[in-house]
C-alpha cells in the first residue's frame, strides 16, 4: 500500500515548484519523477528491484549535482571554505555515515558492488557540494541545502536498516518525513534563493 501512497510526496513537490518558481527548470520535475519511480520500486521489493533502484538513485543525484553546479565556483573551494568548522564536522559525519552504510549493506549486496559504489559516490558528491554551497554563503536559503544533505543521509541509512535488517513502521514514518522535508527544501532552495547583497 505504501508503494502507492509514496508518490504523493514527489508529485506534490513538482506541483509546488512549478506553481511558485519564477523560472522553471524542468530538470527538477524530471529528478522528482525519477525519485518517484525509484521510491515505488524500493518499497515494492528493494532486493528484487535493487538494480533499477540503484540506477534511479544515481540518476537522481547526478541531475541534482548538475542543478547545483551553477551555485558553486572553484573560488569557493579554494578560498578555504573546506577549512570552516561546519564543513569539517559535516565531512566527518558523512564519512561515518558512508562507512556505516558500506558496513551494513556490503555483506548483502556482494553481487552488485559496482552499482553500490556508484550510488555511494554520487550520494557523496551531492552531499559535499551541498555543504560547500552552504559554507560559501553567497546565496540566500543555503541552509536548505544543508538540511537536505542531512535528510538524504538519514533517509538512506534508515531505509537500508529497515529493508535489510530490522523492519519497523516507525522507521517508515521517519523515512517519509525526512524524504518529504528534503524534497520540499531542495525545491524551495531553487524557488527562493538569490545572490546575497554585499554589505
N, C-alpha and C. Protein backbone atom coordinates (compact mmCIF):
# COMPACT_ATOMS: atom_id res chain seq x y z
N UNK A 1 0.83 -1.21 0.00
CA UNK A 1 0.00 0.00 0.00
C UNK A 1 0.86 1.26 0.00
N UNK A 2 1.92 1.24 0.83
CA UNK A 2 2.79 2.40 0.94
C UNK A 2 3.43 2.75 -0.40
N UNK A 3 3.71 1.74 -1.21
CA UNK A 3 4.33 1.97 -2.52
C UNK A 3 3.46 2.84 -3.40
N UNK A 4 2.15 2.83 -3.16
CA UNK A 4 1.25 3.62 -3.99
C UNK A 4 0.91 4.97 -3.34
N UNK A 5 1.19 5.11 -2.03
CA UNK A 5 1.00 6.38 -1.34
C UNK A 5 2.25 7.26 -1.48
N UNK A 6 3.40 6.62 -1.49
CA UNK A 6 4.70 7.31 -1.54
C UNK A 6 4.82 8.32 -2.68
N UNK A 7 4.28 8.07 -3.88
CA UNK A 7 4.42 9.04 -4.98
C UNK A 7 3.78 10.41 -4.72
N UNK A 8 2.91 10.48 -3.72
CA UNK A 8 2.24 11.76 -3.42
C UNK A 8 3.27 12.83 -3.08
N UNK A 9 4.35 12.44 -2.39
CA UNK A 9 5.34 13.44 -1.95
C UNK A 9 6.03 14.09 -3.14
N UNK A 10 6.70 13.31 -4.04
CA UNK A 10 7.35 14.00 -5.17
C UNK A 10 6.36 14.70 -6.10
N UNK A 11 5.17 14.15 -6.28
CA UNK A 11 4.18 14.80 -7.15
C UNK A 11 3.74 16.15 -6.58
N UNK A 12 3.56 16.22 -5.26
CA UNK A 12 3.18 17.49 -4.64
C UNK A 12 4.32 18.50 -4.72
N UNK A 13 5.57 18.02 -4.59
CA UNK A 13 6.73 18.91 -4.71
C UNK A 13 6.82 19.47 -6.12
N UNK A 14 6.58 18.63 -7.13
CA UNK A 14 6.58 19.10 -8.52
C UNK A 14 5.53 20.19 -8.71
N UNK A 15 4.33 19.97 -8.16
CA UNK A 15 3.24 20.96 -8.29
C UNK A 15 3.62 22.27 -7.61
N UNK A 16 4.19 22.19 -6.41
CA UNK A 16 4.61 23.40 -5.69
C UNK A 16 5.69 24.14 -6.46
N UNK A 17 6.69 23.39 -6.92
CA UNK A 17 7.81 24.01 -7.64
C UNK A 17 7.32 24.71 -8.92
N UNK A 18 6.54 24.01 -9.72
CA UNK A 18 6.07 24.58 -10.99
C UNK A 18 5.15 25.77 -10.77
N UNK A 19 4.42 25.75 -9.66
CA UNK A 19 3.48 26.84 -9.37
C UNK A 19 4.17 28.10 -8.86
N UNK A 20 5.21 27.92 -8.04
CA UNK A 20 5.83 29.07 -7.37
C UNK A 20 7.17 29.52 -7.96
N UNK A 21 7.79 28.72 -8.78
CA UNK A 21 9.09 29.10 -9.33
C UNK A 21 8.93 30.17 -10.41
N UNK A 22 9.79 31.20 -10.33
CA UNK A 22 9.77 32.27 -11.33
C UNK A 22 10.33 31.79 -12.66
N UNK A 23 11.28 30.89 -12.60
CA UNK A 23 11.93 30.38 -13.80
C UNK A 23 12.06 28.87 -13.67
N UNK A 24 11.10 28.14 -14.22
CA UNK A 24 11.04 26.69 -14.03
C UNK A 24 12.17 26.00 -14.80
N UNK A 25 12.96 25.23 -14.06
CA UNK A 25 13.99 24.38 -14.67
C UNK A 25 13.41 22.96 -14.68
N UNK A 26 13.13 22.43 -15.85
CA UNK A 26 12.43 21.16 -15.93
C UNK A 26 13.25 19.96 -15.45
N UNK A 27 14.54 20.17 -15.18
CA UNK A 27 15.33 19.09 -14.62
C UNK A 27 14.87 18.76 -13.20
N UNK A 28 14.31 19.73 -12.49
CA UNK A 28 13.84 19.47 -11.12
C UNK A 28 12.63 18.54 -11.14
N UNK A 29 11.57 18.82 -11.92
CA UNK A 29 10.48 17.82 -12.02
C UNK A 29 10.95 16.47 -12.55
N UNK A 30 11.91 16.48 -13.49
CA UNK A 30 12.42 15.20 -14.01
C UNK A 30 13.09 14.41 -12.89
N UNK A 31 13.91 15.08 -12.07
CA UNK A 31 14.58 14.37 -10.97
C UNK A 31 13.56 13.84 -9.96
N UNK A 32 12.49 14.62 -9.71
CA UNK A 32 11.44 14.17 -8.79
C UNK A 32 10.69 12.96 -9.35
N UNK A 33 10.46 12.95 -10.67
CA UNK A 33 9.80 11.80 -11.30
C UNK A 33 10.67 10.55 -11.20
N UNK A 34 11.98 10.72 -11.38
CA UNK A 34 12.90 9.59 -11.23
C UNK A 34 12.83 9.06 -9.79
N UNK A 35 12.80 9.98 -8.84
CA UNK A 35 12.73 9.56 -7.44
C UNK A 35 11.40 8.90 -7.13
N UNK A 36 10.34 9.36 -7.76
CA UNK A 36 9.02 8.76 -7.58
C UNK A 36 9.05 7.27 -7.98
N UNK A 37 9.56 7.00 -9.19
CA UNK A 37 9.65 5.61 -9.68
C UNK A 37 10.59 4.80 -8.79
N UNK A 38 11.71 5.38 -8.41
CA UNK A 38 12.68 4.69 -7.56
C UNK A 38 12.07 4.33 -6.22
N UNK A 39 11.35 5.28 -5.60
CA UNK A 39 10.72 5.02 -4.30
C UNK A 39 9.70 3.90 -4.38
N UNK A 40 8.87 3.92 -5.43
CA UNK A 40 7.85 2.89 -5.58
C UNK A 40 8.49 1.51 -5.70
N UNK A 41 9.50 1.39 -6.56
CA UNK A 41 10.19 0.10 -6.74
C UNK A 41 10.86 -0.35 -5.44
N UNK A 42 11.47 0.61 -4.73
CA UNK A 42 12.16 0.26 -3.48
C UNK A 42 11.19 -0.27 -2.44
N UNK A 43 9.99 0.33 -2.37
CA UNK A 43 9.02 -0.12 -1.38
C UNK A 43 8.29 -1.40 -1.80
N UNK A 44 8.19 -1.65 -3.09
CA UNK A 44 7.58 -2.91 -3.53
C UNK A 44 8.48 -4.08 -3.15
N UNK A 45 9.76 -4.00 -3.55
CA UNK A 45 10.72 -5.06 -3.20
C UNK A 45 12.13 -4.55 -3.48
N UNK A 46 12.78 -4.07 -2.44
CA UNK A 46 14.10 -3.44 -2.58
C UNK A 46 15.13 -4.40 -3.18
N UNK A 47 15.17 -5.62 -2.65
CA UNK A 47 16.18 -6.58 -3.12
C UNK A 47 15.92 -6.99 -4.57
N UNK A 48 14.66 -7.28 -4.89
CA UNK A 48 14.31 -7.69 -6.25
C UNK A 48 14.61 -6.60 -7.27
N UNK A 49 14.31 -5.37 -6.92
CA UNK A 49 14.49 -4.24 -7.85
C UNK A 49 15.73 -3.41 -7.52
N UNK A 50 16.71 -4.06 -6.92
CA UNK A 50 17.92 -3.35 -6.50
C UNK A 50 18.59 -2.61 -7.67
N UNK A 51 18.69 -3.26 -8.83
CA UNK A 51 19.38 -2.63 -9.96
C UNK A 51 18.65 -1.37 -10.45
N UNK A 52 17.34 -1.42 -10.77
CA UNK A 52 16.68 -0.18 -11.20
C UNK A 52 16.63 0.89 -10.10
N UNK A 53 16.51 0.46 -8.85
CA UNK A 53 16.52 1.42 -7.74
C UNK A 53 17.87 2.13 -7.67
N UNK A 54 18.95 1.37 -7.80
CA UNK A 54 20.30 1.95 -7.77
C UNK A 54 20.52 2.90 -8.94
N UNK A 55 20.10 2.50 -10.13
CA UNK A 55 20.24 3.37 -11.31
C UNK A 55 19.42 4.65 -11.12
N UNK A 56 18.21 4.50 -10.57
CA UNK A 56 17.38 5.68 -10.30
C UNK A 56 18.04 6.64 -9.32
N UNK A 57 18.64 6.09 -8.26
CA UNK A 57 19.33 6.94 -7.28
C UNK A 57 20.52 7.65 -7.91
N UNK A 58 21.29 6.92 -8.71
CA UNK A 58 22.46 7.53 -9.37
C UNK A 58 22.00 8.68 -10.28
N UNK A 59 20.97 8.44 -11.09
CA UNK A 59 20.45 9.50 -11.98
C UNK A 59 19.94 10.69 -11.17
N UNK A 60 19.22 10.41 -10.09
CA UNK A 60 18.69 11.47 -9.23
C UNK A 60 19.80 12.35 -8.69
N UNK A 61 20.85 11.73 -8.15
CA UNK A 61 21.95 12.52 -7.58
C UNK A 61 22.75 13.25 -8.66
N UNK A 62 22.96 12.61 -9.81
CA UNK A 62 23.71 13.27 -10.90
C UNK A 62 22.95 14.49 -11.41
N UNK A 63 21.64 14.36 -11.60
CA UNK A 63 20.84 15.51 -12.05
C UNK A 63 20.90 16.63 -11.02
N UNK A 64 20.81 16.28 -9.74
CA UNK A 64 20.84 17.31 -8.70
C UNK A 64 22.22 17.96 -8.57
N UNK A 65 23.27 17.20 -8.80
CA UNK A 65 24.62 17.78 -8.84
C UNK A 65 24.71 18.77 -10.01
N UNK A 66 24.19 18.37 -11.15
CA UNK A 66 24.14 19.24 -12.33
C UNK A 66 23.35 20.53 -12.03
N UNK A 67 22.24 20.40 -11.30
CA UNK A 67 21.43 21.57 -10.95
C UNK A 67 22.17 22.52 -10.00
N UNK A 68 23.03 21.96 -9.16
CA UNK A 68 23.73 22.79 -8.16
C UNK A 68 25.04 23.38 -8.67
N UNK A 69 25.51 22.93 -9.83
CA UNK A 69 26.85 23.34 -10.28
C UNK A 69 26.97 24.85 -10.49
N UNK A 70 25.88 25.51 -10.83
CA UNK A 70 25.93 26.96 -11.05
C UNK A 70 26.03 27.76 -9.75
N UNK A 71 25.84 27.09 -8.61
CA UNK A 71 25.86 27.77 -7.32
C UNK A 71 27.20 27.64 -6.59
N UNK A 72 28.15 26.96 -7.23
CA UNK A 72 29.46 26.78 -6.60
C UNK A 72 30.55 27.07 -7.63
N UNK A 73 31.62 27.69 -7.17
CA UNK A 73 32.74 28.01 -8.05
C UNK A 73 34.02 27.42 -7.48
N UNK A 74 35.02 27.33 -8.33
CA UNK A 74 36.34 26.87 -7.88
C UNK A 74 36.87 27.82 -6.81
N UNK A 75 36.54 29.09 -6.94
CA UNK A 75 37.00 30.09 -5.96
C UNK A 75 36.44 29.76 -4.57
N UNK A 76 35.17 29.30 -4.53
CA UNK A 76 34.57 28.94 -3.25
C UNK A 76 35.36 27.83 -2.57
N UNK A 77 35.78 26.86 -3.36
CA UNK A 77 36.51 25.71 -2.81
C UNK A 77 37.93 26.13 -2.41
N UNK A 78 38.57 26.93 -3.26
CA UNK A 78 39.96 27.34 -3.00
C UNK A 78 40.07 28.38 -1.89
N UNK A 79 38.99 29.08 -1.59
CA UNK A 79 39.05 30.18 -0.63
C UNK A 79 39.10 29.73 0.82
N UNK A 80 39.21 28.43 1.02
CA UNK A 80 39.33 27.94 2.39
C UNK A 80 38.01 27.54 2.99
N UNK A 81 36.96 27.48 2.17
CA UNK A 81 35.66 27.05 2.67
C UNK A 81 35.77 25.68 3.31
N UNK A 82 36.61 24.83 2.71
CA UNK A 82 36.74 23.47 3.21
C UNK A 82 37.32 23.40 4.62
N UNK A 83 37.90 24.51 5.07
CA UNK A 83 38.50 24.52 6.40
C UNK A 83 37.56 25.07 7.47
N UNK A 84 36.36 25.49 7.07
CA UNK A 84 35.44 26.05 8.05
C UNK A 84 34.87 24.94 8.93
N UNK A 85 34.61 25.22 10.21
CA UNK A 85 34.14 24.18 11.15
C UNK A 85 32.90 23.42 10.69
N UNK A 86 31.84 24.09 10.16
CA UNK A 86 30.66 23.30 9.75
C UNK A 86 30.99 22.26 8.69
N UNK A 87 31.88 22.62 7.75
CA UNK A 87 32.21 21.68 6.67
C UNK A 87 33.04 20.53 7.21
N UNK A 88 34.00 20.82 8.09
CA UNK A 88 34.83 19.76 8.67
C UNK A 88 33.97 18.77 9.44
N UNK A 89 33.08 19.30 10.31
CA UNK A 89 32.18 18.44 11.08
C UNK A 89 31.29 17.62 10.15
N UNK A 90 30.78 18.28 9.13
CA UNK A 90 29.88 17.61 8.18
C UNK A 90 30.60 16.50 7.43
N UNK A 91 31.83 16.76 6.99
CA UNK A 91 32.58 15.74 6.24
C UNK A 91 32.89 14.54 7.13
N UNK A 92 33.20 14.80 8.41
CA UNK A 92 33.42 13.69 9.35
C UNK A 92 32.15 12.87 9.50
N UNK A 93 31.00 13.55 9.64
CA UNK A 93 29.72 12.83 9.76
C UNK A 93 29.39 12.06 8.49
N UNK A 94 29.65 12.68 7.34
CA UNK A 94 29.41 11.99 6.07
C UNK A 94 30.27 10.73 6.00
N UNK A 95 31.55 10.88 6.34
CA UNK A 95 32.45 9.74 6.32
C UNK A 95 31.96 8.62 7.21
N UNK A 96 31.50 8.98 8.42
CA UNK A 96 31.00 7.96 9.35
C UNK A 96 29.75 7.28 8.79
N UNK A 97 28.80 8.08 8.27
CA UNK A 97 27.57 7.51 7.73
C UNK A 97 27.84 6.61 6.53
N UNK A 98 28.74 7.03 5.67
CA UNK A 98 29.05 6.22 4.49
C UNK A 98 29.75 4.93 4.92
N UNK A 99 30.64 5.03 5.91
CA UNK A 99 31.27 3.82 6.45
C UNK A 99 30.21 2.87 7.02
N UNK A 100 29.25 3.44 7.75
CA UNK A 100 28.17 2.65 8.33
C UNK A 100 27.35 1.96 7.24
N UNK A 101 26.98 2.73 6.20
CA UNK A 101 26.18 2.17 5.09
C UNK A 101 26.95 1.04 4.40
N UNK A 102 28.25 1.27 4.15
CA UNK A 102 29.07 0.24 3.50
C UNK A 102 29.13 -1.01 4.38
N UNK A 103 29.35 -0.83 5.66
CA UNK A 103 29.48 -1.94 6.58
C UNK A 103 28.19 -2.76 6.67
N UNK A 104 27.05 -2.08 6.61
CA UNK A 104 25.76 -2.74 6.75
C UNK A 104 25.32 -3.40 5.44
N UNK A 105 25.53 -2.71 4.33
CA UNK A 105 24.98 -3.16 3.05
C UNK A 105 25.88 -4.14 2.32
N UNK A 106 27.17 -3.93 2.35
CA UNK A 106 28.09 -4.72 1.53
C UNK A 106 27.92 -6.24 1.68
N UNK A 107 27.77 -6.76 2.91
CA UNK A 107 27.60 -8.21 3.02
C UNK A 107 26.37 -8.75 2.27
N UNK A 108 25.33 -7.91 2.13
CA UNK A 108 24.10 -8.36 1.46
C UNK A 108 24.08 -8.04 -0.02
N UNK A 109 25.02 -7.20 -0.50
CA UNK A 109 25.00 -6.75 -1.88
C UNK A 109 26.29 -7.10 -2.63
N UNK A 110 26.92 -8.20 -2.24
CA UNK A 110 28.18 -8.57 -2.89
C UNK A 110 28.01 -8.87 -4.38
N UNK A 111 26.78 -9.17 -4.79
CA UNK A 111 26.52 -9.49 -6.20
C UNK A 111 26.51 -8.24 -7.08
N UNK A 112 26.48 -7.05 -6.47
CA UNK A 112 26.41 -5.83 -7.27
C UNK A 112 27.20 -4.69 -6.63
N UNK A 113 28.47 -4.94 -6.40
CA UNK A 113 29.32 -3.95 -5.74
C UNK A 113 29.50 -2.70 -6.61
N UNK A 114 29.61 -2.88 -7.92
CA UNK A 114 29.82 -1.74 -8.82
C UNK A 114 28.72 -0.69 -8.71
N UNK A 115 27.45 -1.13 -8.78
CA UNK A 115 26.33 -0.20 -8.65
C UNK A 115 26.31 0.45 -7.27
N UNK A 116 26.60 -0.35 -6.26
CA UNK A 116 26.61 0.14 -4.90
C UNK A 116 27.64 1.28 -4.74
N UNK A 117 28.82 1.09 -5.30
CA UNK A 117 29.87 2.10 -5.24
C UNK A 117 29.45 3.37 -5.98
N UNK A 118 28.82 3.21 -7.15
CA UNK A 118 28.35 4.37 -7.91
C UNK A 118 27.29 5.16 -7.15
N UNK A 119 26.38 4.46 -6.47
CA UNK A 119 25.38 5.14 -5.65
C UNK A 119 26.07 5.93 -4.55
N UNK A 120 27.03 5.30 -3.87
CA UNK A 120 27.73 5.99 -2.78
C UNK A 120 28.50 7.21 -3.27
N UNK A 121 29.18 7.08 -4.41
CA UNK A 121 29.97 8.19 -4.95
C UNK A 121 29.04 9.35 -5.33
N UNK A 122 27.94 9.05 -6.01
CA UNK A 122 27.02 10.13 -6.42
C UNK A 122 26.37 10.77 -5.19
N UNK A 123 26.01 9.96 -4.19
CA UNK A 123 25.46 10.50 -2.94
C UNK A 123 26.48 11.39 -2.25
N UNK A 124 27.72 10.92 -2.15
CA UNK A 124 28.78 11.68 -1.50
C UNK A 124 29.00 13.03 -2.20
N UNK A 125 29.08 13.02 -3.53
CA UNK A 125 29.29 14.26 -4.28
C UNK A 125 28.14 15.24 -4.08
N UNK A 126 26.91 14.74 -4.11
CA UNK A 126 25.75 15.60 -3.90
C UNK A 126 25.79 16.26 -2.53
N UNK A 127 26.09 15.46 -1.50
CA UNK A 127 26.12 15.99 -0.14
C UNK A 127 27.26 16.99 0.05
N UNK A 128 28.44 16.66 -0.46
CA UNK A 128 29.60 17.55 -0.31
C UNK A 128 29.36 18.88 -1.04
N UNK A 129 28.82 18.83 -2.25
CA UNK A 129 28.54 20.07 -2.98
C UNK A 129 27.51 20.91 -2.23
N UNK A 130 26.50 20.26 -1.67
CA UNK A 130 25.50 20.99 -0.87
C UNK A 130 26.16 21.69 0.31
N UNK A 131 27.07 20.99 1.00
CA UNK A 131 27.77 21.58 2.14
C UNK A 131 28.66 22.75 1.71
N UNK A 132 29.34 22.60 0.58
CA UNK A 132 30.20 23.69 0.10
C UNK A 132 29.39 24.93 -0.25
N UNK A 133 28.25 24.74 -0.88
CA UNK A 133 27.40 25.89 -1.23
C UNK A 133 26.91 26.57 0.05
N UNK A 134 26.55 25.76 1.05
CA UNK A 134 26.12 26.31 2.33
C UNK A 134 27.25 27.10 2.99
N UNK A 135 28.44 26.52 3.02
CA UNK A 135 29.57 27.16 3.70
C UNK A 135 30.04 28.41 2.97
N UNK A 136 29.95 28.43 1.62
CA UNK A 136 30.37 29.61 0.85
C UNK A 136 29.49 30.80 1.16
N UNK A 137 28.22 30.55 1.47
CA UNK A 137 27.29 31.57 1.95
C UNK A 137 27.14 32.75 0.98
N UNK A 138 27.13 32.46 -0.33
CA UNK A 138 26.95 33.53 -1.31
C UNK A 138 25.49 33.70 -1.71
N UNK A 139 24.67 32.71 -1.38
CA UNK A 139 23.27 32.73 -1.77
C UNK A 139 22.38 32.68 -0.53
N UNK A 140 21.17 33.21 -0.67
CA UNK A 140 20.18 33.08 0.39
C UNK A 140 19.62 31.65 0.39
N UNK A 141 19.14 31.25 1.54
CA UNK A 141 18.48 29.95 1.72
C UNK A 141 19.41 28.75 1.54
N UNK A 142 20.73 28.95 1.65
CA UNK A 142 21.63 27.79 1.52
C UNK A 142 21.49 26.83 2.69
N UNK A 143 20.92 27.31 3.80
CA UNK A 143 20.68 26.40 4.93
C UNK A 143 19.73 25.28 4.50
N UNK A 144 18.89 25.55 3.51
CA UNK A 144 18.01 24.50 2.97
C UNK A 144 18.84 23.32 2.47
N UNK A 145 19.91 23.63 1.73
CA UNK A 145 20.75 22.55 1.18
C UNK A 145 21.46 21.78 2.29
N UNK A 146 21.84 22.49 3.33
CA UNK A 146 22.48 21.85 4.49
C UNK A 146 21.54 20.82 5.10
N UNK A 147 20.27 21.21 5.28
CA UNK A 147 19.27 20.32 5.86
C UNK A 147 18.96 19.17 4.89
N UNK A 148 18.86 19.49 3.59
CA UNK A 148 18.60 18.47 2.57
C UNK A 148 19.66 17.37 2.63
N UNK A 149 20.93 17.78 2.72
CA UNK A 149 22.02 16.81 2.76
C UNK A 149 21.87 15.85 3.93
N UNK A 150 21.52 16.37 5.10
CA UNK A 150 21.32 15.51 6.26
C UNK A 150 20.08 14.63 6.11
N UNK A 151 19.02 15.18 5.53
CA UNK A 151 17.81 14.37 5.29
C UNK A 151 18.12 13.19 4.37
N UNK A 152 18.89 13.45 3.32
CA UNK A 152 19.25 12.40 2.35
C UNK A 152 20.07 11.31 3.04
N UNK A 153 21.06 11.72 3.81
CA UNK A 153 21.91 10.74 4.51
C UNK A 153 21.09 9.92 5.50
N UNK A 154 20.25 10.61 6.28
CA UNK A 154 19.45 9.94 7.29
C UNK A 154 18.47 8.96 6.64
N UNK A 155 17.73 9.42 5.63
CA UNK A 155 16.72 8.58 4.98
C UNK A 155 17.36 7.34 4.35
N UNK A 156 18.50 7.51 3.69
CA UNK A 156 19.18 6.36 3.07
C UNK A 156 19.64 5.34 4.11
N UNK A 157 20.24 5.83 5.19
CA UNK A 157 20.75 4.92 6.22
C UNK A 157 19.61 4.15 6.89
N UNK A 158 18.54 4.86 7.27
CA UNK A 158 17.42 4.21 7.95
C UNK A 158 16.69 3.26 7.00
N UNK A 159 16.54 3.65 5.73
CA UNK A 159 15.87 2.79 4.76
C UNK A 159 16.60 1.45 4.61
N UNK A 160 17.93 1.52 4.53
CA UNK A 160 18.73 0.30 4.39
C UNK A 160 18.55 -0.62 5.60
N UNK A 161 18.60 -0.04 6.80
CA UNK A 161 18.40 -0.83 8.01
C UNK A 161 17.01 -1.47 7.98
N UNK A 162 16.00 -0.68 7.61
CA UNK A 162 14.62 -1.14 7.62
C UNK A 162 14.38 -2.26 6.60
N UNK A 163 15.00 -2.15 5.44
CA UNK A 163 14.75 -3.13 4.38
C UNK A 163 15.59 -4.40 4.53
N UNK A 164 16.80 -4.27 5.04
CA UNK A 164 17.70 -5.42 5.06
C UNK A 164 17.86 -6.10 6.41
N UNK A 165 17.56 -5.36 7.51
CA UNK A 165 17.87 -5.93 8.82
C UNK A 165 16.69 -5.94 9.80
N UNK A 166 16.09 -4.78 10.03
CA UNK A 166 15.06 -4.72 11.08
C UNK A 166 13.92 -3.83 10.61
N UNK A 167 12.79 -4.44 10.25
CA UNK A 167 11.64 -3.68 9.75
C UNK A 167 10.82 -3.12 10.91
N UNK A 168 10.53 -1.83 10.84
CA UNK A 168 9.71 -1.18 11.86
C UNK A 168 8.90 -0.07 11.21
N UNK A 169 7.62 0.00 11.54
CA UNK A 169 6.74 1.02 10.94
C UNK A 169 7.18 2.43 11.32
N UNK A 170 7.78 2.58 12.50
CA UNK A 170 8.29 3.89 12.91
C UNK A 170 9.38 4.36 11.95
N UNK A 171 10.23 3.44 11.48
CA UNK A 171 11.27 3.79 10.52
C UNK A 171 10.64 4.31 9.22
N UNK A 172 9.53 3.70 8.81
CA UNK A 172 8.86 4.14 7.59
C UNK A 172 8.39 5.58 7.74
N UNK A 173 7.83 5.90 8.90
CA UNK A 173 7.37 7.27 9.16
C UNK A 173 8.55 8.23 9.11
N UNK A 174 9.66 7.87 9.78
CA UNK A 174 10.85 8.73 9.81
C UNK A 174 11.43 8.93 8.41
N UNK A 175 11.47 7.86 7.62
CA UNK A 175 11.99 7.96 6.25
C UNK A 175 11.12 8.90 5.42
N UNK A 176 9.80 8.73 5.52
CA UNK A 176 8.88 9.56 4.73
C UNK A 176 8.93 11.03 5.14
N UNK A 177 9.03 11.28 6.44
CA UNK A 177 9.15 12.67 6.91
C UNK A 177 10.45 13.28 6.42
N UNK A 178 11.54 12.52 6.52
CA UNK A 178 12.84 13.00 6.07
C UNK A 178 12.85 13.26 4.56
N UNK A 179 12.28 12.31 3.80
CA UNK A 179 12.19 12.49 2.34
C UNK A 179 11.36 13.72 1.98
N UNK A 180 10.20 13.86 2.61
CA UNK A 180 9.31 14.98 2.30
C UNK A 180 10.00 16.31 2.61
N UNK A 181 10.65 16.39 3.77
CA UNK A 181 11.35 17.62 4.14
C UNK A 181 12.49 17.90 3.17
N UNK A 182 13.27 16.87 2.83
CA UNK A 182 14.39 17.04 1.90
C UNK A 182 13.93 17.49 0.53
N UNK A 183 12.91 16.84 -0.04
CA UNK A 183 12.41 17.21 -1.36
C UNK A 183 11.86 18.63 -1.35
N UNK A 184 11.08 18.95 -0.31
CA UNK A 184 10.47 20.28 -0.23
C UNK A 184 11.53 21.38 -0.15
N UNK A 185 12.53 21.18 0.71
CA UNK A 185 13.57 22.21 0.87
C UNK A 185 14.46 22.31 -0.36
N UNK A 186 14.70 21.19 -1.04
CA UNK A 186 15.51 21.24 -2.26
C UNK A 186 14.81 22.08 -3.32
N UNK A 187 13.52 21.82 -3.54
CA UNK A 187 12.74 22.63 -4.48
C UNK A 187 12.65 24.06 -3.98
N UNK A 188 12.46 24.22 -2.66
CA UNK A 188 12.36 25.55 -2.06
C UNK A 188 13.61 26.39 -2.28
N UNK A 189 14.78 25.74 -2.25
CA UNK A 189 16.02 26.46 -2.50
C UNK A 189 15.98 27.10 -3.88
N UNK A 190 15.57 26.35 -4.89
CA UNK A 190 15.53 26.88 -6.25
C UNK A 190 14.42 27.92 -6.43
N UNK A 191 13.36 27.82 -5.66
CA UNK A 191 12.28 28.81 -5.74
C UNK A 191 12.70 30.13 -5.10
N UNK A 192 13.37 30.05 -3.94
CA UNK A 192 13.60 31.24 -3.12
C UNK A 192 14.99 31.83 -3.18
N UNK A 193 15.99 31.08 -3.61
CA UNK A 193 17.36 31.57 -3.49
C UNK A 193 17.68 32.69 -4.45
N UNK A 194 18.59 33.54 -4.03
CA UNK A 194 19.17 34.57 -4.90
C UNK A 194 20.51 34.97 -4.28
N UNK A 195 21.33 35.61 -5.07
CA UNK A 195 22.62 36.06 -4.56
C UNK A 195 22.44 37.03 -3.41
N UNK A 196 23.26 36.88 -2.37
CA UNK A 196 23.21 37.83 -1.25
C UNK A 196 23.81 39.15 -1.68
N UNK A 197 23.26 40.22 -1.18
CA UNK A 197 23.84 41.54 -1.45
C UNK A 197 25.09 41.72 -0.62
N UNK A 198 26.12 42.29 -1.23
CA UNK A 198 27.35 42.57 -0.50
C UNK A 198 27.12 43.74 0.41
N UNK A 199 27.53 43.61 1.69
CA UNK A 199 27.33 44.71 2.63
C UNK A 199 28.48 45.70 2.58
